Amino acid sequence: MEPQTSTSRRVLVARPRGYCAGVDRAVVAVEKALEQYGAPIYVRKQIVHNTHVVRTLEARGAIFVDETEEVPEGEIVVFSAHGVSPAVHEEARQRGLRTIDATCPLVTKVHNEAKRFAAQDYDILLIGHEGHEEVEGTSGEAPDHIQLVDGLDSVDKVQVKDPGKLVWLSQTTLSVDETTETVARLKERFPTLLDPPSDDICYATQNRQTAVKEIARESQLVIVVGSENSSNSKRLVEVAKDYGADAAYLVDDASFIREEWLDGVTTVGLTSGASVPDELVQGVLAYLAERGFADVQEVEAVEESMRFALPHELRKDLRVVS
């Protein structure tokens, strides 16, 4: 990294940042559905947790609903990247809805793990945040076997039938460090707790946290572009603070930045959550450039090349779920 002069003002931009493969797949799924079948296309919950993405798709004819029952019978509904429970699939079938499942394949992997361990009569400790759509979808795969562990304070409340048949899974968008700490505390109580066959924290969440750690070490201020309901974006703020930034803030776009944050600051770190289009990051860079932060350096922590195929329903004739 270039040495910094005493008078220069610079921005360290994390890479990777922004859209991950699962988010890109989900957003393109809605766009393709609108192209193929015309408006309206209904979407259960926000397709991804970003207000700008939702508004853009609404302008093109997407209608976002909270529950499947709000979709008129026979219409097309897209399930969000965060996944849904089997009960939601069944409700869609009963209503004769045509479905496009845009669940991230990495979330589907966790669902499949939950079903497999439940079939073997394991108690499953799901590390995640109460009320998050992904947690609700995963829990719905095996509600009699899954209990939520929401942070360290929940560990002491865990009750299991057989400590010898116990496994943990996690929400994919958590802080890697926080999850590691929670698992360690659980293993103090349950030494035979089984790890999942593969790491549930998704590659994109890990990569963006690794990248923000790199820039936080040299930044007095870190700005994370992302929406308040985005779990992975909020984790980036926490990680930035934990790894050296004096201050870190979550903003939907440049209009949310407050001038006083920049007082006395010579190095700003900038990143964005996995649901954020890069145009919003460019807007923040423009805002900072107007205030003297013209030296922009990209800091690449991890190379990222993951891609996912579109939902299979968009690669063949759409049909009613059966």
Protein backbone atom coordinates (compact mmCIF):
# COMPACT_ATOMS: atom_id res chain seq x y z
CA MET A 1 0.00 0.00 0.00
CA GLU A 2 1.31 3.51 -0.86
CA PRO A 3 2.69 5.53 2.08
CA GLN A 4 0.30 8.27 3.11
CA THR A 5 1.46 11.89 3.29
CA SER A 6 0.33 14.04 6.19
CA THR A 7 -1.94 16.17 3.99
CA SER A 8 -3.49 13.55 1.69
CA ARG A 9 -7.04 12.36 2.08
CA ARG A 10 -7.68 8.91 0.74
CA VAL A 11 -10.35 6.26 0.43
CA LEU A 12 -9.55 2.56 0.81
CA VAL A 13 -12.19 0.62 -1.10
CA ALA A 14 -12.62 -3.03 -0.09
CA ARG A 15 -12.67 -5.75 -2.65
CA PRO A 16 -14.67 -7.93 -2.83
CA ARG A 17 -17.73 -5.89 -1.92
CA GLY A 18 -21.33 -5.59 -3.04
CA TYR A 19 -23.34 -8.14 -4.99
CA CYS A 20 -22.58 -11.79 -4.32
CA ALA A 21 -23.52 -14.61 -6.68
CA GLY A 22 -26.70 -15.48 -4.75
CA VAL A 23 -27.97 -11.90 -4.75
CA ASP A 24 -27.14 -11.39 -8.42
CA ARG A 25 -29.01 -14.61 -9.26
CA ALA A 26 -32.08 -13.55 -7.28
CA VAL A 27 -32.28 -10.04 -8.74
CA VAL A 28 -31.75 -11.30 -12.29
CA ALA A 29 -34.47 -13.92 -11.65
CA VAL A 30 -37.04 -11.18 -11.00
CA GLU A 31 -35.81 -9.15 -13.99
CA LYS A 32 -35.99 -12.19 -16.30
CA ALA A 33 -39.46 -13.10 -15.01
CA LEU A 34 -40.69 -9.59 -15.80
CA GLU A 35 -39.19 -9.86 -19.30
CA GLN A 36 -40.58 -13.34 -19.98
CA TYR A 37 -44.02 -13.10 -18.41
CA GLY A 38 -44.67 -9.38 -18.05
CA ALA A 39 -45.81 -7.40 -15.02
CA PRO A 40 -46.95 -7.95 -12.41
CA ILE A 41 -44.54 -10.44 -10.90
CA TYR A 42 -45.12 -11.00 -7.18
CA VAL A 43 -42.19 -11.44 -4.80
CA ARG A 44 -42.58 -12.86 -1.31
CA LYS A 45 -40.60 -10.62 1.08
CA GLN A 46 -37.78 -8.42 -0.22
CA ILE A 47 -35.95 -10.35 -2.93
CA VAL A 48 -32.74 -9.21 -1.21
CA HIS A 49 -32.32 -6.88 1.76
CA ASN A 50 -31.68 -3.61 -0.03
CA THR A 51 -34.19 -0.79 -0.34
CA HIS A 52 -32.76 0.59 -3.62
CA VAL A 53 -32.95 -2.81 -5.34
CA VAL A 54 -36.54 -3.25 -4.17
CA ARG A 55 -37.59 0.21 -5.41
CA THR A 56 -35.94 -0.37 -8.79
CA LEU A 57 -37.76 -3.68 -9.28
CA GLU A 58 -41.05 -2.15 -8.11
CA ALA A 59 -40.69 0.50 -10.80
CA ARG A 60 -40.41 -2.29 -13.38
CA GLY A 61 -43.57 -4.04 -12.18
CA ALA A 62 -42.59 -6.28 -9.27
CA ILE A 63 -45.04 -6.35 -6.37
CA PHE A 64 -43.56 -7.25 -2.98
CA VAL A 65 -45.79 -8.98 -0.44
CA ASP A 66 -45.19 -10.25 3.07
CA GLU A 67 -47.07 -13.53 2.73
CA THR A 68 -48.03 -15.92 -0.06
CA GLU A 69 -51.73 -15.46 0.74
CA GLU A 70 -51.48 -11.90 -0.62
CA VAL A 71 -50.68 -13.22 -4.12
CA PRO A 72 -53.78 -13.66 -6.31
CA GLU A 73 -54.46 -17.27 -7.25
CA GLY A 74 -52.74 -18.45 -10.40
CA GLU A 75 -50.17 -15.64 -10.46
CA ILE A 76 -46.38 -15.92 -10.49
CA VAL A 77 -44.50 -15.54 -7.19
CA VAL A 78 -40.75 -15.42 -6.66
CA PHE A 79 -39.32 -16.68 -3.38
CA SER A 80 -36.49 -14.50 -2.08
CA ALA A 81 -32.79 -15.34 -1.83
CA HIS A 82 -33.21 -16.01 1.90
CA GLY A 83 -35.31 -19.14 1.36
CA VAL A 84 -38.70 -20.29 2.62
CA SER A 85 -40.01 -23.16 4.70
CA PRO A 86 -41.82 -26.21 3.28
CA ALA A 87 -45.08 -24.73 4.64
CA VAL A 88 -44.71 -21.76 2.28
CA HIS A 89 -44.15 -24.07 -0.70
CA GLU A 90 -47.27 -26.01 0.29
CA GLU A 91 -49.35 -22.85 0.61
CA ALA A 92 -48.24 -21.79 -2.88
CA ARG A 93 -49.23 -25.20 -4.24
CA GLN A 94 -52.65 -25.04 -2.64
CA ARG A 95 -53.25 -21.59 -4.11
CA GLY A 96 -52.24 -22.71 -7.58
CA LEU A 97 -49.39 -20.22 -7.75
CA ARG A 98 -46.64 -20.50 -10.33
CA THR A 99 -43.38 -20.27 -8.44
CA ILE A 100 -39.80 -19.26 -9.10
CA ASP A 101 -37.51 -20.24 -6.24
CA ALA A 102 -34.63 -17.75 -6.03
CA THR A 103 -33.27 -19.18 -2.77
CA CYS A 104 -29.48 -18.85 -2.69
CA PRO A 105 -27.94 -22.29 -3.32
CA LEU A 106 -25.82 -21.87 -0.19
CA VAL A 107 -28.98 -21.39 1.89
CA THR A 108 -30.48 -24.46 0.22
CA LYS A 109 -27.38 -26.38 1.35
CA VAL A 110 -28.15 -25.48 4.97
CA HIS A 111 -31.79 -26.53 4.48
CA ASN A 112 -30.63 -29.90 3.17
CA GLU A 113 -28.28 -30.35 6.12
CA ALA A 114 -31.16 -29.59 8.52
CA LYS A 115 -33.39 -32.20 6.86
CA ARG A 116 -30.64 -34.82 6.87
CA PHE A 117 -29.74 -34.39 10.54
CA ALA A 118 -33.40 -34.26 11.58
CA ALA A 119 -34.00 -37.54 9.74
CA GLN A 120 -31.23 -39.04 11.92
CA ASP A 121 -32.98 -37.66 15.04
CA TYR A 122 -30.33 -35.10 15.90
CA ASP A 123 -31.05 -32.00 17.93
CA ILE A 124 -29.98 -29.07 15.74
CA LEU A 125 -28.71 -25.81 17.23
CA LEU A 126 -29.26 -23.10 14.63
CA ILE A 127 -27.01 -20.09 15.27
CA GLY A 128 -28.73 -17.01 13.91
CA HIS A 129 -30.90 -13.99 14.56
CA GLU A 130 -34.51 -14.37 15.63
CA GLY A 131 -36.99 -13.14 13.03
CA HIS A 132 -34.55 -13.22 10.12
CA GLU A 133 -36.17 -14.72 7.02
CA GLU A 134 -33.35 -17.20 6.49
CA VAL A 135 -33.68 -18.49 10.06
CA GLU A 136 -37.44 -18.88 9.65
CA GLY A 137 -36.99 -20.82 6.40
CA THR A 138 -34.33 -23.17 7.82
CA SER A 139 -36.24 -23.72 11.05
CA GLY A 140 -39.31 -24.66 9.05
CA GLU A 141 -37.47 -27.62 7.52
CA ALA A 142 -37.38 -29.44 10.86
CA PRO A 143 -39.23 -27.43 13.54
CA ASP A 144 -39.30 -30.31 16.04
CA HIS A 145 -35.52 -30.69 15.91
CA ILE A 146 -34.23 -27.12 15.58
CA GLN A 147 -33.74 -24.56 18.33
CA LEU A 148 -32.36 -21.10 17.74
CA VAL A 149 -29.18 -19.89 19.43
CA ASP A 150 -29.21 -16.11 19.08
CA GLY A 151 -25.84 -14.98 20.40
CA LEU A 152 -23.77 -15.89 23.44
CA ASP A 153 -26.52 -15.02 25.89
CA SER A 154 -28.68 -17.83 24.47
CA VAL A 155 -26.13 -20.59 25.03
CA ASP A 156 -27.01 -21.23 28.68
CA LYS A 157 -30.71 -21.66 27.80
CA VAL A 158 -30.14 -24.54 25.38
CA GLN A 159 -31.83 -27.82 26.37
CA VAL A 160 -31.26 -31.03 24.40
CA LYS A 161 -32.58 -34.58 24.51
CA ASP A 162 -29.27 -36.34 23.88
CA PRO A 163 -25.94 -34.45 23.97
CA GLY A 164 -24.45 -37.32 21.98
CA LYS A 165 -26.71 -36.51 18.99
CA LEU A 166 -26.25 -32.79 18.65
CA VAL A 167 -25.10 -30.65 15.69
CA TRP A 168 -24.89 -26.93 14.98
CA LEU A 169 -25.83 -25.11 11.80
CA SER A 170 -25.86 -21.37 11.17
CA GLN A 171 -27.45 -18.52 9.28
CA THR A 172 -25.17 -17.84 6.31
CA THR A 173 -24.78 -14.08 6.84
CA LEU A 174 -23.41 -13.96 10.38
CA SER A 175 -20.08 -12.61 11.54
CA VAL A 176 -17.49 -15.36 11.20
CA ASP A 177 -15.85 -14.34 14.49
CA GLU A 178 -19.14 -14.15 16.39
CA THR A 179 -20.19 -17.58 15.15
CA THR A 180 -16.83 -19.09 16.09
CA GLU A 181 -17.20 -17.65 19.59
CA THR A 182 -20.75 -18.99 19.96
CA VAL A 183 -19.70 -22.46 18.80
CA ALA A 184 -16.80 -22.46 21.27
CA ARG A 185 -19.18 -21.58 24.12
CA LEU A 186 -21.62 -24.29 23.02
CA LYS A 187 -18.80 -26.87 22.99
CA GLU A 188 -17.93 -25.94 26.58
CA ARG A 189 -21.45 -27.08 27.50
CA PHE A 190 -21.68 -29.90 24.97
CA PRO A 191 -18.20 -31.31 24.19
CA THR A 192 -19.58 -33.83 21.68
CA LEU A 193 -21.35 -31.13 19.62
CA LEU A 194 -20.92 -32.06 15.96
CA ASP A 195 -19.75 -29.53 13.35
CA PRO A 196 -21.68 -29.39 10.06
CA PRO A 197 -19.99 -31.15 7.14
CA SER A 198 -19.10 -27.77 5.60
CA ASP A 199 -18.92 -24.20 6.83
CA ASP A 200 -22.37 -22.61 6.74
CA ILE A 201 -21.13 -19.01 6.73
CA CYS A 202 -21.24 -18.27 3.00
CA TYR A 203 -18.09 -17.53 1.01
CA ALA A 204 -19.32 -13.98 0.20
CA THR A 205 -19.98 -13.11 3.84
CA GLN A 206 -16.53 -14.38 4.81
CA ASN A 207 -14.80 -12.62 1.93
CA ARG A 208 -16.43 -9.26 2.63
CA GLN A 209 -15.54 -9.52 6.31
CA THR A 210 -11.94 -10.41 5.44
CA ALA A 211 -11.75 -7.41 3.11
CA VAL A 212 -13.20 -4.96 5.65
CA LYS A 213 -10.66 -6.16 8.23
CA GLU A 214 -7.89 -5.17 5.80
CA ILE A 215 -9.15 -1.61 5.32
CA ALA A 216 -10.30 -1.08 8.94
CA ARG A 217 -6.72 -1.37 10.21
CA GLU A 218 -5.75 1.83 8.36
CA SER A 219 -9.05 3.73 8.44
CA GLN A 220 -10.27 6.23 11.01
CA LEU A 221 -13.76 5.94 9.53
CA VAL A 222 -15.37 3.02 7.69
CA ILE A 223 -18.55 3.56 5.68
CA VAL A 224 -20.58 0.44 4.89
CA VAL A 225 -23.21 0.84 2.19
CA GLY A 226 -26.21 -1.33 2.96
CA SER A 227 -29.74 -1.32 4.32
CA GLU A 228 -30.66 -1.55 7.98
CA ASN A 229 -32.40 -4.92 7.53
CA SER A 230 -29.33 -6.47 5.88
CA SER A 231 -27.70 -8.80 8.38
CA ASN A 232 -24.44 -9.15 6.47
CA SER A 233 -24.12 -5.36 6.08
CA LYS A 234 -24.62 -4.76 9.79
CA ARG A 235 -21.96 -7.38 10.54
CA LEU A 236 -19.49 -5.46 8.36
CA VAL A 237 -19.95 -2.41 10.59
CA GLU A 238 -19.24 -4.52 13.69
CA VAL A 239 -16.18 -6.14 12.12
CA ALA A 240 -14.78 -2.76 11.06
CA LYS A 241 -15.00 -1.47 14.63
CA ASP A 242 -13.48 -4.67 16.03
CA TYR A 243 -10.50 -4.48 13.66
CA GLY A 244 -9.27 -0.95 14.18
CA ALA A 245 -11.63 1.66 12.75
CA ASP A 246 -12.33 4.53 15.16
CA ALA A 247 -15.88 4.74 13.80
CA ALA A 248 -18.03 2.79 11.34
CA TYR A 249 -21.48 3.57 9.99
CA LEU A 250 -24.11 1.88 7.85
CA VAL A 251 -25.66 4.05 5.12
CA ASP A 252 -28.25 3.28 2.45
CA ASP A 253 -26.51 5.69 0.08
CA ALA A 254 -24.42 8.87 0.07
CA SER A 255 -27.35 11.02 1.25
CA PHE A 256 -27.14 9.33 4.66
CA ILE A 257 -23.55 10.44 5.32
CA ARG A 258 -23.13 13.20 7.90
CA GLU A 259 -20.46 15.85 7.30
CA GLU A 260 -19.22 15.71 10.88
CA TRP A 261 -18.14 12.09 10.44
CA LEU A 262 -15.30 13.38 8.26
CA ASP A 263 -13.95 15.91 10.79
CA GLY A 264 -10.25 15.21 11.32
CA VAL A 265 -10.38 12.09 9.12
CA THR A 266 -7.66 11.50 6.53
CA THR A 267 -8.43 7.86 5.62
CA VAL A 268 -11.95 6.54 4.94
CA GLY A 269 -12.57 2.85 4.40
CA LEU A 270 -15.48 1.98 2.10
CA THR A 271 -17.29 -1.29 1.48
CA SER A 272 -20.79 -2.57 0.83
CA GLY A 273 -22.99 -5.48 1.80
CA ALA A 274 -23.72 -8.45 -0.44
CA SER A 275 -27.09 -7.00 -1.56
CA VAL A 276 -25.76 -3.62 -2.71
CA PRO A 277 -25.41 -2.54 -6.36
CA ASP A 278 -22.06 -0.88 -7.02
CA GLU A 279 -23.66 2.34 -8.28
CA LEU A 280 -24.39 3.19 -4.63
CA VAL A 281 -20.71 2.79 -3.75
CA GLN A 282 -19.80 5.04 -6.69
CA GLY A 283 -22.22 7.62 -5.28
CA VAL A 284 -20.35 7.58 -1.96
CA LEU A 285 -17.01 7.94 -3.77
CA ALA A 286 -18.38 10.98 -5.61
CA TYR A 287 -19.55 12.48 -2.31
CA LEU A 288 -16.13 11.93 -0.74
CA ALA A 289 -14.28 13.28 -3.79
CA GLU A 290 -16.22 16.55 -3.49
CA ARG A 291 -14.83 16.82 0.05
CA GLY A 292 -11.20 16.30 -0.86
CA PHE A 293 -10.95 12.50 -0.77
CA ALA A 294 -9.69 12.14 -4.32
CA ASP A 295 -7.07 9.43 -3.73
CA VAL A 296 -8.97 6.15 -4.16
CA GLN A 297 -7.16 2.85 -3.62
CA GLU A 298 -8.77 -0.57 -4.04
CA VAL A 299 -7.64 -3.15 -1.49
CA GLU A 300 -8.26 -6.71 -2.71
CA ALA A 301 -8.24 -9.23 0.12
CA VAL A 302 -9.68 -12.25 -1.69
CA GLU A 303 -10.29 -13.04 -5.35
CA GLU A 304 -13.93 -13.91 -5.95
CA SER A 305 -15.32 -15.62 -9.05
CA MET A 306 -18.38 -17.59 -7.89
CA ARG A 307 -21.39 -17.71 -10.24
CA PHE A 308 -24.75 -19.50 -9.91
CA ALA A 309 -27.11 -20.62 -12.67
CA LEU A 310 -30.56 -19.04 -12.79
CA PRO A 311 -33.45 -20.85 -11.04
CA HIS A 312 -34.46 -23.85 -13.11
CA GLU A 313 -37.99 -22.48 -13.54
CA LEU A 314 -36.56 -19.74 -15.75
CA ARG A 315 -34.67 -22.25 -17.85
CA LYS A 316 -37.83 -24.10 -18.89
CA ASP A 317 -41.54 -23.47 -19.09
CA LEU A 318 -42.84 -22.16 -15.81
CA ARG A 319 -45.29 -24.53 -14.22
CA VAL A 320 -47.45 -24.77 -11.13
CA VAL A 321 -45.59 -26.41 -8.25
CA SER A 322 -46.59 -29.98 -7.60
